[in-house]
Amino acid sequence: MIEAGSTGPEATRTPPRKTDLPVRLRLATRDQHVALEAQVDPERRLRTLDGYLGWLGILLGFHRPLESVLGGLDWSETGLDFDQRRRTALLAADLEDLGLDPDSAPDCPDLPPVDGLARAFGALYVLEGSTLGGQVVVRQYGEVFGGLGGRAMRYYTSYGANIGRQWRAFQQALATACADPEAETACIAAAQETFDALHAWVARCDAAAPRPV
């Protein structure tokens, strides 16, 4: 997807600096986000409990190692409580509700480097953005989740009624921490690389999944 007036595929990856950083991030990762949504194909994955179980395992395998890396950084000057934003434990509990040992889910071995807070914010942008889609998932696939009797939905309802406030707080911290051009460039690059890593991880898990007979 190319913006009007753009001249090639790279146009959406380097949006003009006149926009604020959250908008620039959204524009810079838009094509990757669209491609990931098509790859995830919720109509296929989330219409059955087996599909939902498999998807939670894929998500756990990405969140667990990435959150471990992000948790090793010092977030104290950013205004964010990173521990409050971890969702690995929520995914693990959801899987346990469905009878799967979380430790049996493999971890993604190929994550983007996170060597500072600017890149950490870029990676966290991808994880935090997924919380916005959680409400849509629960609403659109309610018959599947309804069959769980309220169980195994911690990940997709992680912030509850506070989701808007949490997202705004993240955007504010992001814009403050990555205000200078060098940090902004690193943040955007890390977000793009995180989307690419998640795309590759989903493809790898799909290729390893048993095929229907």
N, C-alpha and C. Protein backbone atom coordinates (compact mmCIF):
# COMPACT_ATOMS: atom_id res chain seq x y z
N MET A 1 0.85 -1.18 0.00
CA MET A 1 0.00 0.00 0.00
C MET A 1 0.89 1.24 0.00
N ILE A 2 0.71 2.11 -0.99
CA ILE A 2 1.58 3.27 -1.17
C ILE A 2 0.77 4.54 -0.98
N GLU A 3 1.34 5.50 -0.29
CA GLU A 3 0.68 6.78 -0.10
C GLU A 3 0.56 7.52 -1.42
N ALA A 4 -0.49 8.33 -1.54
CA ALA A 4 -0.64 9.16 -2.73
C ALA A 4 0.57 10.06 -2.87
N GLY A 5 1.09 10.12 -4.10
CA GLY A 5 2.24 10.95 -4.36
C GLY A 5 3.56 10.27 -4.12
N SER A 6 3.56 9.02 -3.68
CA SER A 6 4.81 8.31 -3.45
C SER A 6 5.35 7.79 -4.76
N THR A 7 6.62 7.42 -4.73
CA THR A 7 7.27 7.02 -5.98
C THR A 7 7.74 5.59 -5.98
N GLY A 8 7.52 4.83 -4.92
CA GLY A 8 7.99 3.45 -4.92
C GLY A 8 7.70 2.77 -3.62
N PRO A 9 8.11 1.49 -3.52
CA PRO A 9 7.80 0.69 -2.33
C PRO A 9 8.37 1.25 -1.04
N GLU A 10 9.47 2.01 -1.12
CA GLU A 10 10.08 2.50 0.10
C GLU A 10 9.34 3.69 0.69
N ALA A 11 8.36 4.23 -0.04
CA ALA A 11 7.71 5.45 0.42
C ALA A 11 7.03 5.27 1.76
N THR A 12 6.43 4.13 1.98
CA THR A 12 5.72 3.92 3.24
C THR A 12 6.68 3.58 4.37
N ARG A 13 7.94 3.33 4.06
CA ARG A 13 8.90 2.97 5.10
C ARG A 13 9.64 4.19 5.63
N THR A 14 9.54 5.33 4.94
CA THR A 14 10.20 6.54 5.39
C THR A 14 9.24 7.72 5.29
N PRO A 15 8.21 7.78 6.14
CA PRO A 15 7.23 8.85 6.09
C PRO A 15 7.86 10.18 6.45
N PRO A 16 7.27 11.29 6.02
CA PRO A 16 7.85 12.61 6.26
C PRO A 16 7.93 12.93 7.74
N ARG A 17 8.95 13.71 8.12
CA ARG A 17 9.19 14.00 9.53
C ARG A 17 8.18 14.99 10.10
N LYS A 18 7.33 15.59 9.27
CA LYS A 18 6.36 16.55 9.79
C LYS A 18 5.29 15.86 10.65
N THR A 19 5.13 14.55 10.50
CA THR A 19 4.17 13.82 11.33
C THR A 19 4.83 13.41 12.64
N ASP A 20 4.02 13.17 13.69
CA ASP A 20 4.61 12.77 14.96
C ASP A 20 5.01 11.30 14.89
N LEU A 21 5.79 10.87 15.88
CA LEU A 21 6.41 9.55 15.81
C LEU A 21 5.40 8.40 15.78
N PRO A 22 4.38 8.37 16.63
CA PRO A 22 3.42 7.27 16.52
C PRO A 22 2.80 7.15 15.13
N VAL A 23 2.52 8.28 14.50
CA VAL A 23 1.97 8.24 13.15
C VAL A 23 3.02 7.74 12.17
N ARG A 24 4.26 8.22 12.33
CA ARG A 24 5.33 7.77 11.45
C ARG A 24 5.56 6.26 11.58
N LEU A 25 5.48 5.76 12.79
CA LEU A 25 5.62 4.32 12.99
C LEU A 25 4.51 3.56 12.29
N ARG A 26 3.30 4.04 12.43
CA ARG A 26 2.17 3.35 11.80
C ARG A 26 2.33 3.34 10.28
N LEU A 27 2.74 4.46 9.71
CA LEU A 27 2.94 4.52 8.27
C LEU A 27 4.11 3.66 7.83
N ALA A 28 5.18 3.68 8.61
CA ALA A 28 6.39 2.94 8.23
C ALA A 28 6.20 1.43 8.30
N THR A 29 5.24 0.98 9.09
CA THR A 29 5.01 -0.47 9.25
C THR A 29 3.68 -0.92 8.66
N ARG A 30 3.02 -0.03 7.97
CA ARG A 30 1.66 -0.34 7.50
C ARG A 30 1.62 -1.56 6.58
N ASP A 31 2.49 -1.60 5.60
CA ASP A 31 2.49 -2.73 4.67
C ASP A 31 2.79 -4.04 5.39
N GLN A 32 3.72 -3.99 6.35
CA GLN A 32 4.04 -5.20 7.11
C GLN A 32 2.86 -5.64 7.97
N HIS A 33 2.16 -4.68 8.54
CA HIS A 33 0.99 -5.01 9.36
C HIS A 33 -0.09 -5.66 8.51
N VAL A 34 -0.33 -5.12 7.34
CA VAL A 34 -1.34 -5.69 6.44
C VAL A 34 -0.93 -7.10 6.03
N ALA A 35 0.35 -7.30 5.70
CA ALA A 35 0.82 -8.62 5.30
C ALA A 35 0.69 -9.62 6.44
N LEU A 36 0.98 -9.18 7.66
CA LEU A 36 0.87 -10.08 8.81
C LEU A 36 -0.58 -10.47 9.06
N GLU A 37 -1.49 -9.53 8.94
CA GLU A 37 -2.90 -9.84 9.13
C GLU A 37 -3.37 -10.88 8.12
N ALA A 38 -2.91 -10.73 6.87
CA ALA A 38 -3.27 -11.71 5.85
C ALA A 38 -2.68 -13.07 6.16
N GLN A 39 -1.46 -13.08 6.68
CA GLN A 39 -0.81 -14.34 7.03
C GLN A 39 -1.50 -15.01 8.21
N VAL A 40 -1.87 -14.23 9.21
CA VAL A 40 -2.55 -14.77 10.39
C VAL A 40 -3.89 -15.36 10.01
N ASP A 41 -4.63 -14.66 9.14
CA ASP A 41 -5.91 -15.16 8.64
C ASP A 41 -6.81 -15.63 9.79
N PRO A 42 -7.30 -14.68 10.61
CA PRO A 42 -8.10 -15.07 11.77
C PRO A 42 -9.35 -15.87 11.42
N GLU A 43 -9.89 -15.68 10.23
CA GLU A 43 -11.06 -16.47 9.83
C GLU A 43 -10.73 -17.96 9.83
N ARG A 44 -9.47 -18.28 9.57
CA ARG A 44 -9.05 -19.68 9.56
C ARG A 44 -8.59 -20.13 10.95
N ARG A 45 -7.79 -19.31 11.61
CA ARG A 45 -7.16 -19.74 12.86
C ARG A 45 -8.09 -19.67 14.06
N LEU A 46 -8.99 -18.72 14.07
CA LEU A 46 -9.73 -18.44 15.30
C LEU A 46 -11.18 -18.90 15.26
N ARG A 47 -11.53 -19.70 14.30
CA ARG A 47 -12.89 -20.22 14.22
C ARG A 47 -13.06 -21.53 14.98
N THR A 48 -11.94 -22.11 15.41
CA THR A 48 -12.01 -23.37 16.17
C THR A 48 -11.10 -23.25 17.39
N LEU A 49 -11.39 -24.04 18.41
CA LEU A 49 -10.55 -24.03 19.60
C LEU A 49 -9.15 -24.56 19.31
N ASP A 50 -9.05 -25.55 18.41
CA ASP A 50 -7.73 -26.06 18.05
C ASP A 50 -6.90 -24.97 17.37
N GLY A 51 -7.55 -24.22 16.49
CA GLY A 51 -6.86 -23.13 15.82
C GLY A 51 -6.42 -22.06 16.80
N TYR A 52 -7.29 -21.75 17.75
CA TYR A 52 -6.97 -20.75 18.76
C TYR A 52 -5.81 -21.22 19.64
N LEU A 53 -5.83 -22.48 20.01
CA LEU A 53 -4.75 -23.05 20.81
C LEU A 53 -3.41 -22.94 20.08
N GLY A 54 -3.41 -23.29 18.80
CA GLY A 54 -2.18 -23.19 18.03
C GLY A 54 -1.67 -21.77 17.93
N TRP A 55 -2.59 -20.83 17.78
CA TRP A 55 -2.20 -19.43 17.65
C TRP A 55 -1.62 -18.90 18.95
N LEU A 56 -2.22 -19.28 20.08
CA LEU A 56 -1.67 -18.86 21.37
C LEU A 56 -0.25 -19.38 21.55
N GLY A 57 0.01 -20.61 21.09
CA GLY A 57 1.35 -21.16 21.19
C GLY A 57 2.36 -20.38 20.36
N ILE A 58 1.94 -19.95 19.18
CA ILE A 58 2.81 -19.13 18.33
C ILE A 58 3.12 -17.80 19.01
N LEU A 59 2.10 -17.18 19.56
CA LEU A 59 2.29 -15.89 20.23
C LEU A 59 3.19 -16.03 21.45
N LEU A 60 3.00 -17.09 22.22
CA LEU A 60 3.85 -17.30 23.39
C LEU A 60 5.30 -17.44 22.97
N GLY A 61 5.54 -18.17 21.90
CA GLY A 61 6.90 -18.38 21.42
C GLY A 61 7.58 -17.13 20.94
N PHE A 62 6.81 -16.09 20.65
CA PHE A 62 7.39 -14.81 20.25
C PHE A 62 7.50 -13.86 21.44
N HIS A 63 6.43 -13.77 22.22
CA HIS A 63 6.44 -12.86 23.37
C HIS A 63 7.48 -13.26 24.41
N ARG A 64 7.58 -14.54 24.71
CA ARG A 64 8.43 -14.98 25.82
C ARG A 64 9.88 -14.55 25.65
N PRO A 65 10.54 -14.85 24.53
CA PRO A 65 11.94 -14.44 24.41
C PRO A 65 12.10 -12.93 24.23
N LEU A 66 11.16 -12.30 23.52
CA LEU A 66 11.30 -10.87 23.30
C LEU A 66 11.06 -10.09 24.59
N GLU A 67 10.06 -10.47 25.35
CA GLU A 67 9.82 -9.79 26.62
C GLU A 67 10.97 -10.02 27.60
N SER A 68 11.61 -11.16 27.50
CA SER A 68 12.77 -11.43 28.35
C SER A 68 13.90 -10.44 28.04
N VAL A 69 14.13 -10.20 26.76
CA VAL A 69 15.16 -9.23 26.36
C VAL A 69 14.77 -7.82 26.79
N LEU A 70 13.54 -7.45 26.51
CA LEU A 70 13.08 -6.10 26.86
C LEU A 70 13.11 -5.87 28.37
N GLY A 71 12.82 -6.91 29.12
CA GLY A 71 12.82 -6.78 30.57
C GLY A 71 14.20 -6.58 31.17
N GLY A 72 15.24 -6.85 30.39
CA GLY A 72 16.59 -6.64 30.87
C GLY A 72 17.07 -5.21 30.77
N LEU A 73 16.26 -4.34 30.17
CA LEU A 73 16.62 -2.93 30.04
C LEU A 73 16.06 -2.13 31.21
N ASP A 74 16.63 -0.95 31.40
CA ASP A 74 16.19 -0.05 32.47
C ASP A 74 15.14 0.91 31.92
N TRP A 75 13.88 0.69 32.30
CA TRP A 75 12.77 1.52 31.83
C TRP A 75 12.42 2.63 32.81
N SER A 76 13.18 2.78 33.88
CA SER A 76 12.79 3.66 34.97
C SER A 76 12.66 5.12 34.56
N GLU A 77 13.41 5.54 33.53
CA GLU A 77 13.35 6.94 33.11
C GLU A 77 12.32 7.19 32.02
N THR A 78 11.60 6.17 31.62
CA THR A 78 10.68 6.31 30.48
C THR A 78 9.25 6.64 30.90
N GLY A 79 8.94 6.43 32.17
CA GLY A 79 7.56 6.64 32.60
C GLY A 79 6.68 5.42 32.40
N LEU A 80 7.25 4.34 31.88
CA LEU A 80 6.48 3.11 31.68
C LEU A 80 6.86 2.07 32.73
N ASP A 81 5.87 1.34 33.19
CA ASP A 81 6.12 0.17 34.03
C ASP A 81 6.10 -1.04 33.09
N PHE A 82 7.30 -1.45 32.66
CA PHE A 82 7.34 -2.52 31.67
C PHE A 82 6.74 -3.81 32.20
N ASP A 83 6.98 -4.12 33.46
CA ASP A 83 6.44 -5.37 34.01
C ASP A 83 4.92 -5.42 33.90
N GLN A 84 4.28 -4.28 34.00
CA GLN A 84 2.83 -4.21 33.87
C GLN A 84 2.38 -4.55 32.45
N ARG A 85 3.28 -4.42 31.50
CA ARG A 85 2.94 -4.64 30.10
C ARG A 85 3.38 -6.01 29.58
N ARG A 86 3.96 -6.81 30.43
CA ARG A 86 4.32 -8.17 30.02
C ARG A 86 3.05 -9.00 29.82
N ARG A 87 3.06 -9.84 28.78
CA ARG A 87 1.90 -10.69 28.55
C ARG A 87 2.27 -12.17 28.40
N THR A 88 3.53 -12.49 28.62
CA THR A 88 3.94 -13.89 28.55
C THR A 88 3.17 -14.74 29.54
N ALA A 89 3.05 -14.27 30.77
CA ALA A 89 2.34 -15.06 31.79
C ALA A 89 0.87 -15.24 31.44
N LEU A 90 0.28 -14.24 30.79
CA LEU A 90 -1.12 -14.34 30.38
C LEU A 90 -1.29 -15.42 29.32
N LEU A 91 -0.39 -15.43 28.35
CA LEU A 91 -0.44 -16.46 27.31
C LEU A 91 -0.23 -17.85 27.90
N ALA A 92 0.72 -17.96 28.82
CA ALA A 92 0.98 -19.26 29.46
C ALA A 92 -0.25 -19.75 30.21
N ALA A 93 -0.91 -18.85 30.92
CA ALA A 93 -2.12 -19.24 31.67
C ALA A 93 -3.25 -19.63 30.72
N ASP A 94 -3.37 -18.92 29.60
CA ASP A 94 -4.40 -19.28 28.62
C ASP A 94 -4.16 -20.68 28.07
N LEU A 95 -2.91 -20.98 27.76
CA LEU A 95 -2.59 -22.31 27.24
C LEU A 95 -2.86 -23.39 28.28
N GLU A 96 -2.53 -23.11 29.52
CA GLU A 96 -2.80 -24.08 30.59
C GLU A 96 -4.30 -24.33 30.73
N ASP A 97 -5.10 -23.27 30.57
CA ASP A 97 -6.56 -23.44 30.61
C ASP A 97 -7.05 -24.41 29.54
N LEU A 98 -6.33 -24.43 28.42
CA LEU A 98 -6.73 -25.29 27.30
C LEU A 98 -6.00 -26.64 27.32
N GLY A 99 -5.27 -26.90 28.41
CA GLY A 99 -4.66 -28.21 28.58
C GLY A 99 -3.29 -28.39 27.97
N LEU A 100 -2.61 -27.29 27.61
CA LEU A 100 -1.28 -27.39 27.01
C LEU A 100 -0.23 -26.86 27.97
N ASP A 101 0.86 -27.58 28.11
CA ASP A 101 1.98 -27.13 28.92
C ASP A 101 2.70 -26.00 28.19
N PRO A 102 2.74 -24.79 28.73
CA PRO A 102 3.40 -23.68 28.04
C PRO A 102 4.87 -23.95 27.72
N ASP A 103 5.52 -24.76 28.55
CA ASP A 103 6.94 -25.05 28.31
C ASP A 103 7.15 -25.89 27.05
N SER A 104 6.08 -26.50 26.55
CA SER A 104 6.21 -27.31 25.34
C SER A 104 6.19 -26.45 24.07
N ALA A 105 5.81 -25.20 24.20
CA ALA A 105 5.79 -24.31 23.04
C ALA A 105 7.19 -23.80 22.76
N PRO A 106 7.69 -23.93 21.53
CA PRO A 106 9.04 -23.47 21.21
C PRO A 106 9.11 -21.95 21.17
N ASP A 107 10.31 -21.42 21.40
CA ASP A 107 10.55 -19.99 21.34
C ASP A 107 11.15 -19.60 19.99
N CYS A 108 10.83 -18.40 19.55
CA CYS A 108 11.40 -17.86 18.32
C CYS A 108 12.90 -17.65 18.51
N PRO A 109 13.74 -18.21 17.63
CA PRO A 109 15.18 -18.08 17.80
C PRO A 109 15.78 -16.86 17.12
N ASP A 110 14.99 -16.18 16.31
CA ASP A 110 15.53 -15.08 15.48
C ASP A 110 14.78 -13.79 15.77
N LEU A 111 15.23 -13.08 16.79
CA LEU A 111 14.63 -11.81 17.17
C LEU A 111 15.53 -10.66 16.73
N PRO A 112 14.95 -9.50 16.49
CA PRO A 112 15.78 -8.34 16.14
C PRO A 112 16.62 -7.91 17.33
N PRO A 113 17.80 -7.37 17.10
CA PRO A 113 18.62 -6.90 18.22
C PRO A 113 17.95 -5.72 18.93
N VAL A 114 17.99 -5.76 20.24
CA VAL A 114 17.44 -4.66 21.05
C VAL A 114 18.57 -4.18 21.95
N ASP A 115 19.31 -3.18 21.48
CA ASP A 115 20.51 -2.75 22.17
C ASP A 115 20.37 -1.36 22.78
N GLY A 116 19.17 -0.97 23.08
CA GLY A 116 18.93 0.32 23.70
C GLY A 116 17.44 0.61 23.74
N LEU A 117 17.07 1.67 24.45
CA LEU A 117 15.66 1.95 24.64
C LEU A 117 14.95 2.37 23.35
N ALA A 118 15.66 3.04 22.45
CA ALA A 118 15.01 3.45 21.21
C ALA A 118 14.54 2.22 20.43
N ARG A 119 15.41 1.25 20.29
CA ARG A 119 15.02 0.02 19.60
C ARG A 119 14.01 -0.78 20.43
N ALA A 120 14.14 -0.71 21.74
CA ALA A 120 13.17 -1.40 22.60
C ALA A 120 11.77 -0.85 22.40
N PHE A 121 11.65 0.46 22.28
CA PHE A 121 10.34 1.06 22.03
C PHE A 121 9.79 0.62 20.68
N GLY A 122 10.65 0.47 19.70
CA GLY A 122 10.18 -0.01 18.40
C GLY A 122 9.64 -1.41 18.47
N ALA A 123 10.34 -2.29 19.18
CA ALA A 123 9.86 -3.66 19.35
C ALA A 123 8.57 -3.70 20.17
N LEU A 124 8.54 -2.90 21.23
CA LEU A 124 7.35 -2.89 22.10
C LEU A 124 6.15 -2.31 21.38
N TYR A 125 6.39 -1.42 20.43
CA TYR A 125 5.29 -0.87 19.62
C TYR A 125 4.50 -1.99 18.95
N VAL A 126 5.20 -2.99 18.45
CA VAL A 126 4.53 -4.11 17.77
C VAL A 126 3.70 -4.90 18.78
N LEU A 127 4.28 -5.18 19.94
CA LEU A 127 3.56 -5.96 20.95
C LEU A 127 2.38 -5.18 21.52
N GLU A 128 2.58 -3.91 21.81
CA GLU A 128 1.50 -3.10 22.38
C GLU A 128 0.38 -2.87 21.38
N GLY A 129 0.74 -2.71 20.12
CA GLY A 129 -0.28 -2.49 19.10
C GLY A 129 -1.25 -3.65 18.99
N SER A 130 -0.76 -4.84 19.31
CA SER A 130 -1.63 -6.01 19.21
C SER A 130 -2.74 -5.98 20.25
N THR A 131 -2.56 -5.21 21.33
CA THR A 131 -3.62 -5.13 22.34
C THR A 131 -4.86 -4.45 21.78
N LEU A 132 -4.65 -3.53 20.83
CA LEU A 132 -5.79 -2.83 20.25
C LEU A 132 -6.66 -3.78 19.45
N GLY A 133 -6.02 -4.76 18.82
CA GLY A 133 -6.78 -5.73 18.04
C GLY A 133 -7.46 -6.79 18.88
N GLY A 134 -7.07 -6.88 20.15
CA GLY A 134 -7.65 -7.91 21.00
C GLY A 134 -9.14 -7.77 21.16
N GLN A 135 -9.61 -6.55 21.32
CA GLN A 135 -11.04 -6.32 21.47
C GLN A 135 -11.80 -6.75 20.22
N VAL A 136 -11.21 -6.48 19.06
CA VAL A 136 -11.84 -6.87 17.80
C VAL A 136 -11.92 -8.39 17.70
N VAL A 137 -10.85 -9.05 18.08
CA VAL A 137 -10.82 -10.52 18.03
C VAL A 137 -11.92 -11.11 18.91
N VAL A 138 -12.01 -10.63 20.14
CA VAL A 138 -13.02 -11.17 21.06
C VAL A 138 -14.42 -10.91 20.52
N ARG A 139 -14.63 -9.74 19.96
CA ARG A 139 -15.96 -9.39 19.45
C ARG A 139 -16.33 -10.23 18.22
N GLN A 140 -15.39 -10.39 17.29
CA GLN A 140 -15.71 -11.06 16.03
C GLN A 140 -15.75 -12.58 16.15
N TYR A 141 -15.02 -13.12 17.11
CA TYR A 141 -14.96 -14.57 17.24
C TYR A 141 -15.52 -15.01 18.59
N GLY A 142 -16.56 -14.31 19.01
CA GLY A 142 -17.16 -14.54 20.31
C GLY A 142 -17.69 -15.94 20.50
N GLU A 143 -18.14 -16.59 19.42
CA GLU A 143 -18.69 -17.94 19.60
C GLU A 143 -17.61 -18.92 20.02
N VAL A 144 -16.38 -18.71 19.55
CA VAL A 144 -15.28 -19.57 19.98
C VAL A 144 -14.94 -19.30 21.44
N PHE A 145 -14.76 -18.02 21.77
CA PHE A 145 -14.40 -17.66 23.13
C PHE A 145 -15.54 -17.93 24.10
N GLY A 146 -16.76 -17.80 23.63
CA GLY A 146 -17.90 -18.10 24.49
C GLY A 146 -17.90 -19.55 24.93
N GLY A 147 -17.42 -20.43 24.07
CA GLY A 147 -17.35 -21.84 24.41
C GLY A 147 -16.32 -22.16 25.47
N LEU A 148 -15.47 -21.17 25.80
CA LEU A 148 -14.45 -21.38 26.82
C LEU A 148 -14.96 -21.06 28.22
N GLY A 149 -16.17 -20.54 28.29
CA GLY A 149 -16.74 -20.22 29.60
C GLY A 149 -15.96 -19.18 30.36
N GLY A 150 -15.38 -18.22 29.63
CA GLY A 150 -14.62 -17.15 30.28
C GLY A 150 -13.16 -17.48 30.51
N ARG A 151 -12.72 -18.68 30.14
CA ARG A 151 -11.33 -19.08 30.34
C ARG A 151 -10.50 -18.75 29.10
N ALA A 152 -9.18 -18.75 29.28
CA ALA A 152 -8.22 -18.67 28.17
C ALA A 152 -8.39 -17.42 27.32
N MET A 153 -8.74 -16.30 27.95
CA MET A 153 -8.89 -15.05 27.22
C MET A 153 -8.08 -13.92 27.85
N ARG A 154 -7.12 -14.27 28.69
CA ARG A 154 -6.35 -13.24 29.39
C ARG A 154 -5.53 -12.38 28.44
N TYR A 155 -4.92 -13.03 27.45
CA TYR A 155 -4.06 -12.29 26.52
C TYR A 155 -4.85 -11.24 25.76
N TYR A 156 -5.99 -11.62 25.22
CA TYR A 156 -6.75 -10.70 24.38
C TYR A 156 -7.56 -9.69 25.16
N THR A 157 -7.65 -9.85 26.46
CA THR A 157 -8.38 -8.87 27.28
C THR A 157 -7.46 -8.31 28.36
N SER A 158 -6.18 -8.22 28.05
CA SER A 158 -5.16 -7.95 29.07
C SER A 158 -5.36 -6.61 29.79
N TYR A 159 -5.71 -5.56 29.07
CA TYR A 159 -5.86 -4.25 29.69
C TYR A 159 -7.30 -3.92 30.06
N GLY A 160 -8.23 -4.72 29.60
CA GLY A 160 -9.62 -4.49 29.93
C GLY A 160 -10.09 -3.11 29.52
N ALA A 161 -10.80 -2.44 30.42
CA ALA A 161 -11.33 -1.10 30.14
C ALA A 161 -10.24 -0.04 30.07
N ASN A 162 -9.02 -0.37 30.48
CA ASN A 162 -7.92 0.60 30.49
C ASN A 162 -7.12 0.60 29.20
N ILE A 163 -7.57 -0.10 28.19
CA ILE A 163 -6.76 -0.25 26.98
C ILE A 163 -6.45 1.08 26.32
N GLY A 164 -7.43 1.97 26.24
CA GLY A 164 -7.18 3.26 25.63
C GLY A 164 -6.17 4.08 26.40
N ARG A 165 -6.30 4.09 27.70
CA ARG A 165 -5.37 4.83 28.55
C ARG A 165 -3.96 4.26 28.45
N GLN A 166 -3.85 2.94 28.42
CA GLN A 166 -2.54 2.30 28.32
C GLN A 166 -1.87 2.62 26.99
N TRP A 167 -2.65 2.61 25.92
CA TRP A 167 -2.10 2.91 24.60
C TRP A 167 -1.62 4.36 24.53
N ARG A 168 -2.41 5.28 25.07
CA ARG A 168 -2.01 6.69 25.06
C ARG A 168 -0.75 6.92 25.90
N ALA A 169 -0.67 6.24 27.03
CA ALA A 169 0.53 6.36 27.87
C ALA A 169 1.76 5.84 27.14
N PHE A 170 1.59 4.74 26.42
CA PHE A 170 2.71 4.20 25.65
C PHE A 170 3.14 5.17 24.56
N GLN A 171 2.19 5.72 23.83
CA GLN A 171 2.52 6.67 22.76
C GLN A 171 3.26 7.88 23.30
N GLN A 172 2.83 8.38 24.43
CA GLN A 172 3.48 9.54 25.03
C GLN A 172 4.92 9.22 25.44
N ALA A 173 5.11 8.08 26.08
CA ALA A 173 6.45 7.67 26.49
C ALA A 173 7.34 7.44 25.28
N LEU A 174 6.79 6.83 24.25
CA LEU A 174 7.51 6.58 23.01
C LEU A 174 7.99 7.88 22.39
N ALA A 175 7.10 8.86 22.26
CA ALA A 175 7.45 10.13 21.63
C ALA A 175 8.51 10.86 22.43
N THR A 176 8.46 10.77 23.75
CA THR A 176 9.43 11.45 24.59
C THR A 176 10.80 10.77 24.53
N ALA A 177 10.81 9.46 24.61
CA ALA A 177 12.08 8.72 24.65
C ALA A 177 12.81 8.74 23.31
N CYS A 178 12.06 8.87 22.23
CA CYS A 178 12.67 8.80 20.89
C CYS A 178 12.50 10.12 20.15
N ALA A 179 12.67 11.23 20.87
CA ALA A 179 12.41 12.54 20.28
C ALA A 179 13.48 12.97 19.29
N ASP A 180 14.73 12.60 19.52
CA ASP A 180 15.78 13.06 18.60
C ASP A 180 15.82 12.17 17.36
N PRO A 181 16.29 12.69 16.22
CA PRO A 181 16.23 11.96 14.95
C PRO A 181 16.92 10.60 14.98
N GLU A 182 18.06 10.50 15.66
CA GLU A 182 18.78 9.23 15.70
C GLU A 182 17.96 8.17 16.42
N ALA A 183 17.38 8.54 17.56
CA ALA A 183 16.56 7.58 18.30
C ALA A 183 15.31 7.21 17.52
N GLU A 184 14.73 8.18 16.85
CA GLU A 184 13.53 7.90 16.06
C GLU A 184 13.82 6.92 14.94
N THR A 185 14.95 7.11 14.27
CA THR A 185 15.34 6.19 13.20
C THR A 185 15.53 4.78 13.73
N ALA A 186 16.20 4.66 14.88
CA ALA A 186 16.42 3.34 15.48
C ALA A 186 15.10 2.70 15.88
N CYS A 187 14.19 3.49 16.42
CA CYS A 187 12.89 2.98 16.84
C CYS A 187 12.10 2.43 15.66
N ILE A 188 12.05 3.19 14.59
CA ILE A 188 11.30 2.76 13.41
C ILE A 188 11.92 1.50 12.81
N ALA A 189 13.25 1.47 12.72
CA ALA A 189 13.92 0.29 12.18
C ALA A 189 13.61 -0.95 13.01
N ALA A 190 13.63 -0.81 14.34
CA ALA A 190 13.35 -1.95 15.21
C ALA A 190 11.91 -2.43 15.07
N ALA A 191 10.98 -1.50 14.91
CA ALA A 191 9.58 -1.89 14.71
C ALA A 191 9.43 -2.68 13.42
N GLN A 192 10.05 -2.21 12.36
CA GLN A 192 9.99 -2.92 11.08
C GLN A 192 10.61 -4.31 11.20
N GLU A 193 11.76 -4.39 11.87
CA GLU A 193 12.43 -5.67 12.03
C GLU A 193 11.63 -6.63 12.92
N THR A 194 10.93 -6.08 13.89
CA THR A 194 10.10 -6.92 14.76
C THR A 194 8.92 -7.49 13.99
N PHE A 195 8.29 -6.68 13.16
CA PHE A 195 7.23 -7.19 12.30
C PHE A 195 7.77 -8.28 11.38
N ASP A 196 8.95 -8.05 10.80
CA ASP A 196 9.54 -9.06 9.91
C ASP A 196 9.82 -10.36 10.67
N ALA A 197 10.34 -10.23 11.89
CA ALA A 197 10.64 -11.42 12.69
C ALA A 197 9.38 -12.19 13.05
N LEU A 198 8.31 -11.47 13.38
CA LEU A 198 7.05 -12.13 13.71
C LEU A 198 6.47 -12.82 12.49
N HIS A 199 6.56 -12.17 11.35
CA HIS A 199 6.08 -12.77 10.09
C HIS A 199 6.83 -14.07 9.82
N ALA A 200 8.16 -14.03 9.97
CA ALA A 200 8.97 -15.23 9.72
C ALA A 200 8.66 -16.32 10.74
N TRP A 201 8.40 -15.94 11.99
CA TRP A 201 8.10 -16.92 13.03
C TRP A 201 6.76 -17.61 12.76
N VAL A 202 5.76 -16.85 12.36
CA VAL A 202 4.47 -17.45 12.03
C VAL A 202 4.62 -18.43 10.88
N ALA A 203 5.38 -18.03 9.86
CA ALA A 203 5.60 -18.91 8.71
C ALA A 203 6.33 -20.19 9.14
N ARG A 204 7.31 -20.05 10.00
CA ARG A 204 8.06 -21.22 10.48
C ARG A 204 7.16 -22.17 11.26
N CYS A 205 6.33 -21.62 12.14
CA CYS A 205 5.41 -22.46 12.92
C CYS A 205 4.37 -23.12 12.03
N ASP A 206 3.87 -22.38 11.06
CA ASP A 206 2.89 -22.96 10.14
C ASP A 206 3.49 -24.11 9.36
N ALA A 207 4.74 -23.95 8.93
CA ALA A 207 5.39 -25.00 8.15
C ALA A 207 5.62 -26.26 8.99
N ALA A 208 5.81 -26.08 10.29
CA ALA A 208 6.06 -27.23 11.17
C ALA A 208 4.79 -27.87 11.70
N ALA A 209 3.66 -27.21 11.52
CA ALA A 209 2.40 -27.72 12.07
C ALA A 209 1.94 -28.95 11.30
N PRO A 210 1.34 -29.93 11.98
CA PRO A 210 0.81 -31.12 11.29
C PRO A 210 -0.25 -30.73 10.28
N ARG A 211 -0.24 -31.38 9.15
CA ARG A 211 -1.23 -31.12 8.11
C ARG A 211 -2.42 -32.05 8.28
N PRO A 212 -3.63 -31.53 8.02
CA PRO A 212 -4.81 -32.41 8.09
C PRO A 212 -4.70 -33.57 7.11
N VAL A 213 -5.12 -34.72 7.54
CA VAL A 213 -5.06 -35.91 6.68
C VAL A 213 -6.23 -35.88 5.71
